[in-house]
Every structure is written in C-alpha cells, then in structure tokens.
Amino acid sequence: MAVLSSMSHASDPSPLQDFCVAVDDSKNAGKLKLRLNVNNLAGLNTLGISLARIDFAPYGLNPPHTHPRGTEVLALFEGTLYVGFVLSNPGPNMKNKLFTKILHPGDVQNPGVITIANAVFGSDQSINDDVLAKAFQIENKVVDYLQSQFWWDNN
C-alpha cells in the first residue's frame, strides 16, 4: 500500500480586477441597462422571457430596435418617458404606423384581456357546434344557445 501526498498551489493566472468600476461610456445614449436572461438566471430557461432594467439619464434614449415575435413591457417609476413603436409587417394597403405615448410614474403596459367565450362563441363564421361541444364538454343545444347570444365586446 502506498500513500501519496502532494502540495498544490492555486492562483488566478490573470487577475484583471477584483471589483468592476463603472466606466463613463458616452456611447450608452444616456442610459444604464441591466439585463436578466437565461444566461444569468437559469430559472428563465424555456420560458422565452428576458428582463431588463434601464435607468435613463435626462434626455437619454434607447435606440430603435426590434423584438421579432416578442413583447416589451414597460413600467415607469420616476420622471416621464416618451415611448413608442412602429407597426411592422403591415397588411395590404397599410403603412408602418407610429404609436407613441408619454409615460408617467406608475404607468405600465396594459395588454388587455381576450375573453375566450366572446371569441369562440361569438366568432364571425361560427365554429362547428361539434367542435365546441367536445372542447367545452357541453351539449350541442348549449353551444347553439351560446352562439345565439350577443357577443359584442371582447375587451
């Protein structure tokens, strides 16, 4: 039986710095952005979301950018913020329309609500009775009754 003992030393081969010191970067367009995504919070994996906190300096801006198949939610805590988006990929005979708003403290994005009953029982071209009866586990006569109601507002 042999016993082997050895000493080892560990060190950081390239100790650049121990603390991150903020740099005055004039290319940041008057904002400080802190990103939170799956790379630094593993719990976001498979959720398809990222978060960012942006602290804008007075007259700072976030340059035009895109979110293909994505959504952006804003919440303002202090000051005012001029925000907007351009409708992209418009339908035929439509233009890329600009939508803007000035946000004040406490303002948040309001995505609205789609009421399922209004959407499926009030659709213009009715959904097949058999499909709805099976999906909602109700009888066809109940589907007929619900489709006959006045479904006027889906907001």
N, C-alpha and C. Protein backbone atom coordinates (compact mmCIF):
# COMPACT_ATOMS: atom_id res chain seq x y z
N MET A 1 0.84 -1.16 0.00
CA MET A 1 0.00 0.00 0.00
C MET A 1 0.90 1.23 0.00
N ALA A 2 0.55 2.14 -0.83
CA ALA A 2 1.35 3.36 -0.93
C ALA A 2 0.46 4.55 -0.66
N VAL A 3 1.00 5.53 -0.03
CA VAL A 3 0.28 6.77 0.25
C VAL A 3 1.03 7.88 -0.46
N LEU A 4 0.31 8.60 -1.23
CA LEU A 4 0.92 9.68 -2.00
C LEU A 4 0.39 11.00 -1.48
N SER A 5 1.26 11.89 -1.23
CA SER A 5 0.86 13.20 -0.74
C SER A 5 1.55 14.23 -1.61
N SER A 6 0.82 15.24 -1.94
CA SER A 6 1.44 16.30 -2.73
C SER A 6 0.85 17.64 -2.31
N MET A 7 1.54 18.69 -2.61
CA MET A 7 1.05 20.03 -2.33
C MET A 7 0.66 20.67 -3.65
N SER A 8 -0.33 21.47 -3.59
CA SER A 8 -0.71 22.19 -4.80
C SER A 8 -0.96 23.64 -4.45
N HIS A 9 -0.75 24.46 -5.41
CA HIS A 9 -0.98 25.90 -5.24
C HIS A 9 -1.96 26.33 -6.33
N ALA A 10 -2.90 27.17 -5.95
CA ALA A 10 -3.87 27.67 -6.92
C ALA A 10 -3.77 29.18 -6.97
N SER A 11 -3.92 29.72 -8.16
CA SER A 11 -3.91 31.17 -8.31
C SER A 11 -4.66 31.54 -9.57
N ASP A 12 -5.06 32.77 -9.63
CA ASP A 12 -5.73 33.29 -10.81
C ASP A 12 -4.64 33.76 -11.76
N PRO A 13 -4.50 33.12 -12.92
CA PRO A 13 -3.40 33.46 -13.81
C PRO A 13 -3.50 34.87 -14.38
N SER A 14 -4.67 35.44 -14.38
CA SER A 14 -4.83 36.77 -14.95
C SER A 14 -5.80 37.60 -14.13
N PRO A 15 -5.38 38.07 -12.96
CA PRO A 15 -6.30 38.83 -12.12
C PRO A 15 -6.48 40.25 -12.68
N LEU A 16 -7.43 40.41 -13.56
CA LEU A 16 -7.66 41.71 -14.19
C LEU A 16 -8.06 42.74 -13.15
N GLN A 17 -9.09 42.44 -12.39
CA GLN A 17 -9.51 43.34 -11.31
C GLN A 17 -10.42 42.58 -10.38
N ASP A 18 -10.48 43.02 -9.16
CA ASP A 18 -11.34 42.37 -8.18
C ASP A 18 -12.73 42.98 -8.15
N PHE A 19 -12.85 44.24 -8.50
CA PHE A 19 -14.13 44.93 -8.47
C PHE A 19 -14.36 45.60 -9.81
N CYS A 20 -15.61 45.59 -10.25
CA CYS A 20 -15.95 46.26 -11.51
C CYS A 20 -16.20 47.73 -11.20
N VAL A 21 -15.42 48.59 -11.81
CA VAL A 21 -15.57 50.03 -11.61
C VAL A 21 -16.34 50.58 -12.80
N ALA A 22 -17.40 51.33 -12.52
CA ALA A 22 -18.22 51.88 -13.60
C ALA A 22 -17.38 52.79 -14.49
N VAL A 23 -17.64 52.70 -15.77
CA VAL A 23 -16.94 53.50 -16.75
C VAL A 23 -17.91 54.49 -17.34
N ASP A 24 -17.49 55.74 -17.48
CA ASP A 24 -18.33 56.75 -18.10
C ASP A 24 -18.27 56.54 -19.61
N ASP A 25 -19.24 55.83 -20.15
CA ASP A 25 -19.27 55.49 -21.57
C ASP A 25 -20.25 56.40 -22.28
N SER A 26 -19.75 57.33 -23.07
CA SER A 26 -20.63 58.29 -23.74
C SER A 26 -21.43 57.64 -24.86
N LYS A 27 -21.12 56.39 -25.23
CA LYS A 27 -21.85 55.71 -26.30
C LYS A 27 -23.11 55.02 -25.79
N ASN A 28 -23.45 55.16 -24.52
CA ASN A 28 -24.61 54.44 -23.99
C ASN A 28 -25.92 55.18 -24.21
N ALA A 29 -25.91 56.28 -24.91
CA ALA A 29 -27.12 57.04 -25.27
C ALA A 29 -27.90 57.51 -24.05
N GLY A 30 -27.22 57.75 -22.93
CA GLY A 30 -27.88 58.28 -21.75
C GLY A 30 -28.70 57.27 -21.00
N LYS A 31 -28.22 56.03 -20.95
CA LYS A 31 -28.97 55.01 -20.22
C LYS A 31 -28.01 53.99 -19.64
N LEU A 32 -28.48 53.32 -18.59
CA LEU A 32 -27.77 52.20 -17.99
C LEU A 32 -28.69 51.01 -18.09
N LYS A 33 -28.25 49.95 -18.74
CA LYS A 33 -29.10 48.78 -18.94
C LYS A 33 -28.53 47.59 -18.19
N LEU A 34 -29.38 46.96 -17.38
CA LEU A 34 -29.03 45.74 -16.68
C LEU A 34 -29.91 44.63 -17.22
N ARG A 35 -29.32 43.60 -17.80
CA ARG A 35 -30.08 42.53 -18.44
C ARG A 35 -30.19 41.32 -17.52
N LEU A 36 -31.34 40.67 -17.60
CA LEU A 36 -31.57 39.43 -16.87
C LEU A 36 -32.16 38.44 -17.87
N ASN A 37 -31.43 37.37 -18.13
CA ASN A 37 -31.90 36.38 -19.09
C ASN A 37 -31.44 34.99 -18.64
N VAL A 38 -31.66 34.01 -19.48
CA VAL A 38 -31.34 32.63 -19.10
C VAL A 38 -29.84 32.43 -18.83
N ASN A 39 -29.00 33.30 -19.37
CA ASN A 39 -27.56 33.17 -19.14
C ASN A 39 -27.16 33.54 -17.72
N ASN A 40 -27.94 34.41 -17.05
CA ASN A 40 -27.59 34.76 -15.68
C ASN A 40 -28.69 34.44 -14.67
N LEU A 41 -29.80 33.86 -15.11
CA LEU A 41 -30.84 33.35 -14.22
C LEU A 41 -31.41 32.10 -14.87
N ALA A 42 -30.88 30.96 -14.50
CA ALA A 42 -31.25 29.69 -15.15
C ALA A 42 -32.74 29.39 -15.05
N GLY A 43 -33.42 29.93 -14.06
CA GLY A 43 -34.85 29.68 -13.89
C GLY A 43 -35.70 30.20 -15.03
N LEU A 44 -35.15 31.08 -15.86
CA LEU A 44 -35.89 31.58 -17.02
C LEU A 44 -35.83 30.62 -18.20
N ASN A 45 -35.04 29.55 -18.09
CA ASN A 45 -34.89 28.60 -19.19
C ASN A 45 -36.25 28.05 -19.61
N THR A 46 -36.50 28.00 -20.87
CA THR A 46 -37.71 27.52 -21.55
C THR A 46 -38.91 28.43 -21.37
N LEU A 47 -38.79 29.54 -20.66
CA LEU A 47 -39.93 30.44 -20.50
C LEU A 47 -40.04 31.43 -21.65
N GLY A 48 -38.96 31.63 -22.38
CA GLY A 48 -38.99 32.54 -23.52
C GLY A 48 -39.06 34.00 -23.11
N ILE A 49 -38.54 34.35 -21.93
CA ILE A 49 -38.58 35.74 -21.50
C ILE A 49 -37.21 36.19 -21.05
N SER A 50 -37.00 37.48 -21.15
CA SER A 50 -35.82 38.14 -20.62
C SER A 50 -36.32 39.41 -19.95
N LEU A 51 -35.55 39.94 -19.03
CA LEU A 51 -35.91 41.16 -18.34
C LEU A 51 -34.75 42.13 -18.46
N ALA A 52 -35.06 43.41 -18.46
CA ALA A 52 -34.01 44.41 -18.47
C ALA A 52 -34.48 45.61 -17.65
N ARG A 53 -33.58 46.15 -16.88
CA ARG A 53 -33.86 47.40 -16.17
C ARG A 53 -33.03 48.46 -16.87
N ILE A 54 -33.68 49.56 -17.22
CA ILE A 54 -32.97 50.65 -17.89
C ILE A 54 -33.16 51.90 -17.06
N ASP A 55 -32.06 52.52 -16.65
CA ASP A 55 -32.09 53.80 -15.96
C ASP A 55 -31.67 54.85 -16.98
N PHE A 56 -32.61 55.70 -17.37
CA PHE A 56 -32.32 56.72 -18.37
C PHE A 56 -31.82 57.99 -17.69
N ALA A 57 -30.79 58.59 -18.25
CA ALA A 57 -30.36 59.92 -17.84
C ALA A 57 -31.33 60.91 -18.49
N PRO A 58 -31.40 62.16 -18.00
CA PRO A 58 -32.26 63.13 -18.68
C PRO A 58 -31.92 63.20 -20.17
N TYR A 59 -32.93 63.13 -21.00
CA TYR A 59 -32.83 63.15 -22.47
C TYR A 59 -32.10 61.93 -23.03
N GLY A 60 -31.95 60.89 -22.23
CA GLY A 60 -31.35 59.64 -22.73
C GLY A 60 -32.33 58.94 -23.65
N LEU A 61 -31.85 57.98 -24.41
CA LEU A 61 -32.74 57.24 -25.30
C LEU A 61 -32.30 55.81 -25.46
N ASN A 62 -33.24 55.00 -25.87
CA ASN A 62 -32.98 53.61 -26.23
C ASN A 62 -33.12 53.57 -27.74
N PRO A 63 -32.05 53.35 -28.50
CA PRO A 63 -32.12 53.42 -29.95
C PRO A 63 -33.19 52.49 -30.53
N PRO A 64 -33.74 52.83 -31.69
CA PRO A 64 -34.73 51.95 -32.32
C PRO A 64 -34.20 50.52 -32.42
N HIS A 65 -35.07 49.57 -32.12
CA HIS A 65 -34.67 48.17 -32.12
C HIS A 65 -35.89 47.31 -32.40
N THR A 66 -35.69 46.03 -32.57
CA THR A 66 -36.80 45.14 -32.86
C THR A 66 -36.89 44.03 -31.82
N HIS A 67 -38.07 43.45 -31.74
CA HIS A 67 -38.32 42.27 -30.92
C HIS A 67 -39.13 41.30 -31.78
N PRO A 68 -38.48 40.59 -32.71
CA PRO A 68 -39.25 39.68 -33.56
C PRO A 68 -40.01 38.66 -32.72
N ARG A 69 -41.29 38.59 -32.95
CA ARG A 69 -42.17 37.66 -32.24
C ARG A 69 -42.06 37.82 -30.73
N GLY A 70 -41.77 39.03 -30.28
CA GLY A 70 -41.61 39.28 -28.85
C GLY A 70 -42.46 40.44 -28.38
N THR A 71 -42.41 40.68 -27.11
CA THR A 71 -43.20 41.72 -26.48
C THR A 71 -42.30 42.52 -25.56
N GLU A 72 -42.62 43.78 -25.39
CA GLU A 72 -41.88 44.61 -24.45
C GLU A 72 -42.88 45.21 -23.48
N VAL A 73 -42.60 45.10 -22.21
CA VAL A 73 -43.44 45.66 -21.16
C VAL A 73 -42.63 46.73 -20.44
N LEU A 74 -43.22 47.90 -20.25
CA LEU A 74 -42.53 48.99 -19.58
C LEU A 74 -43.27 49.35 -18.30
N ALA A 75 -42.52 49.66 -17.27
CA ALA A 75 -43.09 50.21 -16.03
C ALA A 75 -42.21 51.38 -15.64
N LEU A 76 -42.80 52.53 -15.41
CA LEU A 76 -42.04 53.73 -15.10
C LEU A 76 -42.21 54.06 -13.62
N PHE A 77 -41.09 54.32 -12.94
CA PHE A 77 -41.12 54.59 -11.51
C PHE A 77 -40.84 56.05 -11.18
N GLU A 78 -40.12 56.76 -12.05
CA GLU A 78 -39.74 58.13 -11.74
C GLU A 78 -39.56 58.90 -13.04
N GLY A 79 -39.98 60.16 -13.07
CA GLY A 79 -39.81 61.01 -14.24
C GLY A 79 -40.89 60.75 -15.28
N THR A 80 -40.62 61.17 -16.51
CA THR A 80 -41.51 60.89 -17.64
C THR A 80 -40.68 60.27 -18.75
N LEU A 81 -41.33 59.50 -19.61
CA LEU A 81 -40.62 58.80 -20.67
C LEU A 81 -41.49 58.78 -21.92
N TYR A 82 -40.94 59.26 -23.03
CA TYR A 82 -41.62 59.23 -24.32
C TYR A 82 -41.29 57.89 -24.97
N VAL A 83 -42.31 57.08 -25.21
CA VAL A 83 -42.10 55.75 -25.76
C VAL A 83 -42.95 55.56 -27.01
N GLY A 84 -42.59 54.57 -27.80
CA GLY A 84 -43.40 54.29 -28.98
C GLY A 84 -42.92 53.05 -29.70
N PHE A 85 -43.72 52.67 -30.67
CA PHE A 85 -43.33 51.58 -31.54
C PHE A 85 -43.93 51.81 -32.91
N VAL A 86 -43.32 51.19 -33.90
CA VAL A 86 -43.79 51.29 -35.28
C VAL A 86 -44.37 49.95 -35.67
N LEU A 87 -45.58 49.99 -36.21
CA LEU A 87 -46.21 48.77 -36.70
C LEU A 87 -45.37 48.26 -37.87
N SER A 88 -44.88 47.05 -37.75
CA SER A 88 -44.08 46.49 -38.84
C SER A 88 -44.85 45.34 -39.47
N ASN A 89 -44.49 45.00 -40.67
CA ASN A 89 -45.17 43.97 -41.44
C ASN A 89 -46.67 44.24 -41.52
N PRO A 90 -47.06 45.46 -41.93
CA PRO A 90 -48.49 45.75 -42.01
C PRO A 90 -49.14 44.97 -43.14
N GLY A 91 -50.45 44.89 -43.07
CA GLY A 91 -51.21 44.21 -44.12
C GLY A 91 -51.25 45.03 -45.39
N PRO A 92 -51.91 44.50 -46.42
CA PRO A 92 -52.04 45.23 -47.68
C PRO A 92 -52.73 46.57 -47.45
N ASN A 93 -52.32 47.57 -48.19
CA ASN A 93 -52.89 48.92 -48.13
C ASN A 93 -52.70 49.57 -46.76
N MET A 94 -51.71 49.15 -46.00
CA MET A 94 -51.43 49.75 -44.70
C MET A 94 -50.00 50.28 -44.71
N LYS A 95 -49.73 51.21 -43.82
CA LYS A 95 -48.39 51.76 -43.70
C LYS A 95 -47.80 51.37 -42.35
N ASN A 96 -46.50 51.56 -42.21
CA ASN A 96 -45.83 51.33 -40.93
C ASN A 96 -46.19 52.48 -39.99
N LYS A 97 -47.25 52.33 -39.22
CA LYS A 97 -47.79 53.39 -38.38
C LYS A 97 -47.01 53.50 -37.07
N LEU A 98 -46.78 54.75 -36.64
CA LEU A 98 -46.10 55.03 -35.38
C LEU A 98 -47.13 55.22 -34.28
N PHE A 99 -46.94 54.52 -33.15
CA PHE A 99 -47.78 54.67 -31.96
C PHE A 99 -46.87 55.20 -30.85
N THR A 100 -47.26 56.31 -30.20
CA THR A 100 -46.43 56.88 -29.14
C THR A 100 -47.26 57.20 -27.91
N LYS A 101 -46.57 57.36 -26.80
CA LYS A 101 -47.22 57.73 -25.55
C LYS A 101 -46.16 58.30 -24.61
N ILE A 102 -46.57 59.21 -23.76
CA ILE A 102 -45.69 59.70 -22.70
C ILE A 102 -46.10 58.99 -21.42
N LEU A 103 -45.15 58.25 -20.84
CA LEU A 103 -45.41 57.52 -19.60
C LEU A 103 -45.07 58.40 -18.41
N HIS A 104 -45.86 58.27 -17.35
CA HIS A 104 -45.65 58.97 -16.09
C HIS A 104 -45.45 57.92 -15.00
N PRO A 105 -44.90 58.32 -13.84
CA PRO A 105 -44.69 57.33 -12.78
C PRO A 105 -45.95 56.52 -12.48
N GLY A 106 -45.78 55.21 -12.39
CA GLY A 106 -46.90 54.32 -12.12
C GLY A 106 -47.53 53.75 -13.37
N ASP A 107 -47.26 54.34 -14.53
CA ASP A 107 -47.82 53.80 -15.77
C ASP A 107 -47.16 52.47 -16.10
N VAL A 108 -47.95 51.56 -16.61
CA VAL A 108 -47.44 50.28 -17.08
C VAL A 108 -48.15 49.93 -18.37
N GLN A 109 -47.62 48.96 -19.06
CA GLN A 109 -48.23 48.47 -20.28
C GLN A 109 -49.52 47.75 -19.90
N ASN A 110 -50.58 47.92 -20.69
CA ASN A 110 -51.85 47.25 -20.44
C ASN A 110 -52.17 46.37 -21.63
N PRO A 111 -51.91 45.07 -21.53
CA PRO A 111 -52.10 44.20 -22.68
C PRO A 111 -53.55 43.93 -23.02
N GLY A 112 -54.48 44.26 -22.14
CA GLY A 112 -55.88 43.96 -22.41
C GLY A 112 -56.18 42.50 -22.11
N VAL A 113 -57.42 42.14 -22.29
CA VAL A 113 -57.88 40.79 -21.99
C VAL A 113 -58.71 40.29 -23.15
N ILE A 114 -58.51 39.08 -23.55
CA ILE A 114 -59.35 38.44 -24.55
C ILE A 114 -60.21 37.42 -23.82
N THR A 115 -61.51 37.63 -23.85
CA THR A 115 -62.43 36.71 -23.19
C THR A 115 -62.69 35.54 -24.12
N ILE A 116 -62.37 34.35 -23.67
CA ILE A 116 -62.49 33.16 -24.51
C ILE A 116 -63.91 32.95 -25.00
N ALA A 117 -64.88 33.10 -24.11
CA ALA A 117 -66.28 32.88 -24.51
C ALA A 117 -66.67 33.81 -25.64
N ASN A 118 -66.32 35.09 -25.53
CA ASN A 118 -66.66 36.04 -26.60
C ASN A 118 -65.99 35.65 -27.91
N ALA A 119 -64.76 35.21 -27.82
CA ALA A 119 -64.01 34.88 -29.03
C ALA A 119 -64.55 33.64 -29.72
N VAL A 120 -64.83 32.57 -28.97
CA VAL A 120 -65.21 31.32 -29.63
C VAL A 120 -66.70 31.20 -29.91
N PHE A 121 -67.55 31.71 -29.01
CA PHE A 121 -68.99 31.59 -29.26
C PHE A 121 -69.51 32.75 -30.10
N GLY A 122 -68.76 33.85 -30.18
CA GLY A 122 -69.20 35.00 -30.96
C GLY A 122 -68.41 35.21 -32.23
N SER A 123 -67.68 34.20 -32.68
CA SER A 123 -66.85 34.36 -33.88
C SER A 123 -67.71 34.55 -35.12
N ASP A 124 -67.19 35.36 -36.05
CA ASP A 124 -67.90 35.57 -37.31
C ASP A 124 -67.33 34.60 -38.31
N GLN A 125 -67.93 33.76 -38.59
CA GLN A 125 -68.18 32.44 -39.09
C GLN A 125 -68.09 31.56 -37.85
N SER A 126 -69.22 31.02 -37.52
CA SER A 126 -69.34 30.22 -36.30
C SER A 126 -68.44 28.99 -36.36
N ILE A 127 -67.88 28.67 -35.22
CA ILE A 127 -67.10 27.44 -35.08
C ILE A 127 -68.09 26.27 -35.02
N ASN A 128 -67.75 25.17 -35.64
CA ASN A 128 -68.61 24.00 -35.70
C ASN A 128 -69.09 23.60 -34.30
N ASP A 129 -70.41 23.37 -34.17
CA ASP A 129 -71.03 23.01 -32.88
C ASP A 129 -70.36 21.79 -32.25
N ASP A 130 -70.07 20.79 -33.06
CA ASP A 130 -69.47 19.56 -32.52
C ASP A 130 -68.10 19.82 -31.90
N VAL A 131 -67.33 20.71 -32.53
CA VAL A 131 -66.00 21.04 -32.01
C VAL A 131 -66.14 21.72 -30.64
N LEU A 132 -67.03 22.72 -30.55
CA LEU A 132 -67.20 23.44 -29.28
C LEU A 132 -67.80 22.55 -28.20
N ALA A 133 -68.75 21.71 -28.56
CA ALA A 133 -69.37 20.81 -27.58
C ALA A 133 -68.33 19.86 -27.00
N LYS A 134 -67.47 19.35 -27.85
CA LYS A 134 -66.44 18.42 -27.38
C LYS A 134 -65.38 19.16 -26.56
N ALA A 135 -64.97 20.34 -27.02
CA ALA A 135 -63.92 21.10 -26.33
C ALA A 135 -64.35 21.55 -24.94
N PHE A 136 -65.61 22.00 -24.81
CA PHE A 136 -66.09 22.51 -23.52
C PHE A 136 -66.90 21.48 -22.74
N GLN A 137 -67.02 20.28 -23.29
CA GLN A 137 -67.75 19.19 -22.65
C GLN A 137 -69.18 19.62 -22.29
N ILE A 138 -69.86 20.17 -23.30
CA ILE A 138 -71.26 20.57 -23.14
C ILE A 138 -72.06 20.00 -24.30
N GLU A 139 -73.37 20.06 -24.19
CA GLU A 139 -74.24 19.53 -25.24
C GLU A 139 -74.35 20.53 -26.39
N ASN A 140 -74.68 20.02 -27.58
CA ASN A 140 -74.80 20.87 -28.76
C ASN A 140 -75.87 21.95 -28.58
N LYS A 141 -76.96 21.64 -27.86
CA LYS A 141 -78.01 22.64 -27.68
C LYS A 141 -77.50 23.82 -26.83
N VAL A 142 -76.57 23.56 -25.91
CA VAL A 142 -75.97 24.65 -25.13
C VAL A 142 -75.08 25.49 -26.03
N VAL A 143 -74.32 24.85 -26.92
CA VAL A 143 -73.50 25.58 -27.89
C VAL A 143 -74.38 26.47 -28.75
N ASP A 144 -75.49 25.92 -29.26
CA ASP A 144 -76.40 26.71 -30.09
C ASP A 144 -76.92 27.93 -29.33
N TYR A 145 -77.29 27.73 -28.06
CA TYR A 145 -77.79 28.83 -27.24
C TYR A 145 -76.71 29.90 -27.07
N LEU A 146 -75.49 29.49 -26.73
CA LEU A 146 -74.41 30.45 -26.51
C LEU A 146 -74.06 31.21 -27.80
N GLN A 147 -74.08 30.52 -28.93
CA GLN A 147 -73.77 31.19 -30.20
C GLN A 147 -74.87 32.17 -30.59
N SER A 148 -76.08 32.00 -30.07
CA SER A 148 -77.18 32.91 -30.41
C SER A 148 -77.14 34.19 -29.59
N GLN A 149 -76.31 34.23 -28.56
CA GLN A 149 -76.23 35.42 -27.70
C GLN A 149 -75.47 36.53 -28.42
N PHE A 150 -75.62 37.75 -27.91
CA PHE A 150 -74.98 38.93 -28.50
C PHE A 150 -73.61 39.12 -27.85
N TRP A 151 -72.55 38.69 -28.52
CA TRP A 151 -71.18 38.81 -28.02
C TRP A 151 -70.56 40.05 -28.64
N TRP A 152 -70.71 41.18 -28.00
CA TRP A 152 -70.34 42.45 -28.63
C TRP A 152 -68.96 42.96 -28.30
N ASP A 153 -68.43 42.73 -27.13
CA ASP A 153 -67.16 43.35 -26.75
C ASP A 153 -66.19 42.29 -26.26
N ASN A 154 -65.03 42.24 -26.88
CA ASN A 154 -64.03 41.24 -26.48
C ASN A 154 -62.90 41.86 -25.67
N ASN A 155 -63.13 43.04 -25.09
CA ASN A 155 -62.07 43.69 -24.29
C ASN A 155 -62.47 43.77 -22.85
